[in-house]
C-alpha cells in the first residue's frame, strides 16, 4: 500500500487530460519556438504551444483569445 500512496501523491494535482484551445493565439515578435515548446496540432499545418494560457500569462507572453465563430 505505501507504493500506491506515493504514486497518488506524485500525480495529485496533475491535469486529468490535455486539450487544445482552437480559439487561442500567441503573438510573438521573435521565433516562438525559441522560448515556447511547440508540437504538431491534430489539424495539418498547425502547431500548438505546450504551455497553457496561465503559463503564458505568467511569463508576459501576449496572447489573443478569440471567442465565438467567424
N, C-alpha and C. Protein backbone atom coordinates (compact mmCIF):
# COMPACT_ATOMS: atom_id res chain seq x y z
N UNK A 1 0.80 -1.20 0.00
CA UNK A 1 0.00 0.00 0.00
C UNK A 1 0.85 1.28 0.00
N UNK A 2 2.02 1.32 0.62
CA UNK A 2 2.82 2.56 0.58
C UNK A 2 3.17 2.98 -0.84
N UNK A 3 3.39 2.03 -1.76
CA UNK A 3 3.71 2.38 -3.15
C UNK A 3 2.53 3.10 -3.80
N UNK A 4 1.33 2.66 -3.50
CA UNK A 4 0.13 3.31 -4.05
C UNK A 4 0.02 4.74 -3.52
N UNK A 5 0.27 4.94 -2.26
CA UNK A 5 0.20 6.27 -1.66
C UNK A 5 1.24 7.20 -2.29
N UNK A 6 2.44 6.71 -2.52
CA UNK A 6 3.49 7.52 -3.16
C UNK A 6 3.08 7.89 -4.58
N UNK A 7 2.52 6.94 -5.31
CA UNK A 7 2.06 7.20 -6.66
C UNK A 7 0.96 8.26 -6.65
N UNK A 8 0.01 8.11 -5.76
CA UNK A 8 -1.08 9.07 -5.64
C UNK A 8 -0.53 10.47 -5.35
N UNK A 9 0.40 10.57 -4.44
CA UNK A 9 0.97 11.87 -4.10
C UNK A 9 1.74 12.47 -5.28
N UNK A 10 2.37 11.63 -6.08
CA UNK A 10 3.15 12.11 -7.22
C UNK A 10 2.25 12.66 -8.33
N UNK A 11 1.06 12.09 -8.51
CA UNK A 11 0.20 12.54 -9.60
C UNK A 11 -0.93 13.46 -9.15
N UNK A 12 -1.07 13.66 -7.86
CA UNK A 12 -2.14 14.53 -7.36
C UNK A 12 -1.96 15.95 -7.91
N UNK A 13 -3.03 16.51 -8.46
CA UNK A 13 -2.98 17.87 -8.97
C UNK A 13 -2.60 17.99 -10.43
N UNK A 14 -2.14 16.90 -11.06
CA UNK A 14 -1.83 16.94 -12.49
C UNK A 14 -3.13 17.03 -13.28
N UNK A 15 -3.08 17.59 -14.49
CA UNK A 15 -4.31 17.63 -15.30
C UNK A 15 -4.82 16.23 -15.60
N UNK A 16 -6.12 16.10 -15.66
CA UNK A 16 -6.71 14.80 -15.98
C UNK A 16 -6.57 14.48 -17.46
N UNK A 17 -6.58 15.50 -18.28
CA UNK A 17 -6.40 15.32 -19.72
C UNK A 17 -5.89 16.63 -20.30
N UNK A 18 -5.29 16.53 -21.47
CA UNK A 18 -4.80 17.71 -22.16
C UNK A 18 -5.66 17.96 -23.38
N UNK A 19 -5.96 19.20 -23.63
CA UNK A 19 -6.76 19.55 -24.80
C UNK A 19 -6.18 20.75 -25.50
N UNK A 20 -6.68 21.01 -26.67
CA UNK A 20 -6.23 22.15 -27.45
C UNK A 20 -7.36 23.17 -27.50
N UNK A 21 -7.02 24.43 -27.31
CA UNK A 21 -7.98 25.50 -27.43
C UNK A 21 -7.87 26.06 -28.83
N UNK A 22 -8.86 25.79 -29.64
CA UNK A 22 -8.77 26.17 -31.05
C UNK A 22 -8.93 27.67 -31.28
N UNK A 23 -9.34 28.42 -30.27
CA UNK A 23 -9.58 29.85 -30.47
C UNK A 23 -8.50 30.74 -29.89
N UNK A 24 -7.40 30.18 -29.43
CA UNK A 24 -6.34 30.98 -28.84
C UNK A 24 -5.18 31.17 -29.80
N UNK A 25 -4.47 32.27 -29.62
CA UNK A 25 -3.33 32.56 -30.49
C UNK A 25 -2.27 33.28 -29.67
N UNK A 26 -1.03 32.90 -29.84
CA UNK A 26 0.09 33.59 -29.18
C UNK A 26 0.74 34.48 -30.21
N UNK A 27 0.97 35.72 -29.82
CA UNK A 27 1.60 36.69 -30.72
C UNK A 27 3.03 36.90 -30.25
N UNK A 28 3.98 36.77 -31.17
CA UNK A 28 5.39 36.87 -30.80
C UNK A 28 6.15 37.69 -31.83
N UNK A 29 7.05 38.54 -31.35
CA UNK A 29 7.88 39.31 -32.25
C UNK A 29 9.02 38.46 -32.81
N UNK A 30 9.51 37.52 -32.01
CA UNK A 30 10.59 36.63 -32.42
C UNK A 30 10.04 35.24 -32.69
N UNK A 31 10.91 34.35 -33.13
CA UNK A 31 10.51 32.98 -33.42
C UNK A 31 9.97 32.33 -32.14
N UNK A 32 8.72 31.95 -32.14
CA UNK A 32 8.05 31.43 -30.95
C UNK A 32 8.74 30.18 -30.41
N UNK A 33 9.23 29.33 -31.28
CA UNK A 33 9.85 28.08 -30.84
C UNK A 33 11.17 28.31 -30.09
N UNK A 34 11.68 29.54 -30.10
CA UNK A 34 12.91 29.80 -29.37
C UNK A 34 12.70 29.91 -27.87
N UNK A 35 11.44 30.08 -27.44
CA UNK A 35 11.20 30.16 -26.00
C UNK A 35 9.97 29.41 -25.51
N UNK A 36 9.17 28.84 -26.41
CA UNK A 36 8.00 28.05 -26.01
C UNK A 36 8.07 26.72 -26.75
N UNK A 37 8.00 25.59 -26.04
CA UNK A 37 7.99 24.30 -26.75
C UNK A 37 6.71 24.14 -27.56
N UNK A 38 6.87 23.74 -28.82
CA UNK A 38 5.73 23.59 -29.73
C UNK A 38 5.58 22.13 -30.12
N UNK A 39 4.38 21.77 -30.54
CA UNK A 39 4.13 20.42 -31.06
C UNK A 39 3.13 20.52 -32.20
N UNK A 40 3.12 19.52 -33.05
CA UNK A 40 2.17 19.49 -34.15
C UNK A 40 0.76 19.35 -33.61
N UNK A 41 -0.16 20.11 -34.19
CA UNK A 41 -1.57 20.01 -33.81
C UNK A 41 -2.23 18.87 -34.57
N UNK A 42 -3.44 18.54 -34.20
CA UNK A 42 -4.15 17.48 -34.91
C UNK A 42 -4.54 17.92 -36.32
N UNK A 43 -4.69 19.24 -36.52
CA UNK A 43 -5.00 19.77 -37.84
C UNK A 43 -3.69 19.95 -38.62
N UNK A 44 -3.59 19.43 -39.81
CA UNK A 44 -2.36 19.55 -40.60
C UNK A 44 -1.95 21.02 -40.80
N UNK A 45 -0.66 21.28 -40.70
CA UNK A 45 -0.14 22.62 -40.91
C UNK A 45 -0.26 23.55 -39.72
N UNK A 46 -0.73 23.06 -38.60
CA UNK A 46 -0.90 23.88 -37.40
C UNK A 46 0.00 23.35 -36.29
N UNK A 47 0.41 24.24 -35.41
CA UNK A 47 1.18 23.84 -34.23
C UNK A 47 0.51 24.42 -33.00
N UNK A 48 0.79 23.82 -31.85
CA UNK A 48 0.26 24.33 -30.58
C UNK A 48 1.41 24.48 -29.60
N UNK A 49 1.27 25.44 -28.71
CA UNK A 49 2.25 25.63 -27.64
C UNK A 49 1.98 24.59 -26.56
N UNK A 50 3.03 24.08 -25.95
CA UNK A 50 2.87 23.09 -24.89
C UNK A 50 2.59 23.74 -23.55
N UNK A 51 2.63 25.06 -23.49
CA UNK A 51 2.29 25.77 -22.26
C UNK A 51 0.84 26.16 -22.30
N UNK A 52 0.19 26.16 -21.14
CA UNK A 52 -1.20 26.59 -21.12
C UNK A 52 -1.28 28.11 -21.02
N UNK A 53 -2.49 28.62 -21.15
CA UNK A 53 -2.70 30.07 -21.17
C UNK A 53 -2.23 30.75 -19.89
N UNK A 54 -2.34 30.08 -18.76
CA UNK A 54 -1.90 30.67 -17.50
C UNK A 54 -0.38 30.81 -17.45
N UNK A 55 0.33 29.79 -17.95
CA UNK A 55 1.80 29.87 -18.01
C UNK A 55 2.23 31.02 -18.91
N UNK A 56 1.59 31.14 -20.07
CA UNK A 56 1.92 32.23 -21.00
C UNK A 56 1.67 33.58 -20.34
N UNK A 57 0.56 33.71 -19.66
CA UNK A 57 0.24 34.97 -18.98
C UNK A 57 1.25 35.28 -17.88
N UNK A 58 1.62 34.28 -17.10
CA UNK A 58 2.60 34.49 -16.03
C UNK A 58 3.94 34.99 -16.57
N UNK A 59 4.30 34.55 -17.77
CA UNK A 59 5.56 34.94 -18.37
C UNK A 59 5.46 36.22 -19.20
N UNK A 60 4.26 36.80 -19.27
CA UNK A 60 4.09 38.05 -20.01
C UNK A 60 4.01 37.87 -21.51
N UNK A 61 3.75 36.66 -21.98
CA UNK A 61 3.61 36.42 -23.41
C UNK A 61 2.23 36.92 -23.84
N UNK A 62 2.20 37.76 -24.86
CA UNK A 62 0.94 38.31 -25.34
C UNK A 62 0.16 37.20 -26.03
N UNK A 63 -1.10 37.11 -25.69
CA UNK A 63 -1.94 36.12 -26.31
C UNK A 63 -3.28 36.74 -26.65
N UNK A 64 -3.93 36.19 -27.62
CA UNK A 64 -5.24 36.66 -28.04
C UNK A 64 -6.19 35.49 -27.95
N UNK A 65 -7.29 35.67 -27.28
CA UNK A 65 -8.30 34.61 -27.18
C UNK A 65 -9.49 35.05 -28.00
N UNK A 66 -9.79 34.25 -29.00
CA UNK A 66 -10.94 34.54 -29.86
C UNK A 66 -12.13 33.76 -29.33
N UNK A 67 -13.28 34.39 -29.30
CA UNK A 67 -14.47 33.66 -28.86
C UNK A 67 -15.53 33.78 -29.95
N UNK A 68 -16.40 32.82 -29.97
CA UNK A 68 -17.45 32.82 -30.98
C UNK A 68 -16.92 32.29 -32.30
N UNK A 69 -17.72 32.43 -33.32
CA UNK A 69 -17.31 31.96 -34.64
C UNK A 69 -17.24 33.14 -35.60
N UNK A 70 -16.42 32.96 -36.63
CA UNK A 70 -16.32 34.00 -37.66
C UNK A 70 -15.27 34.91 -37.37
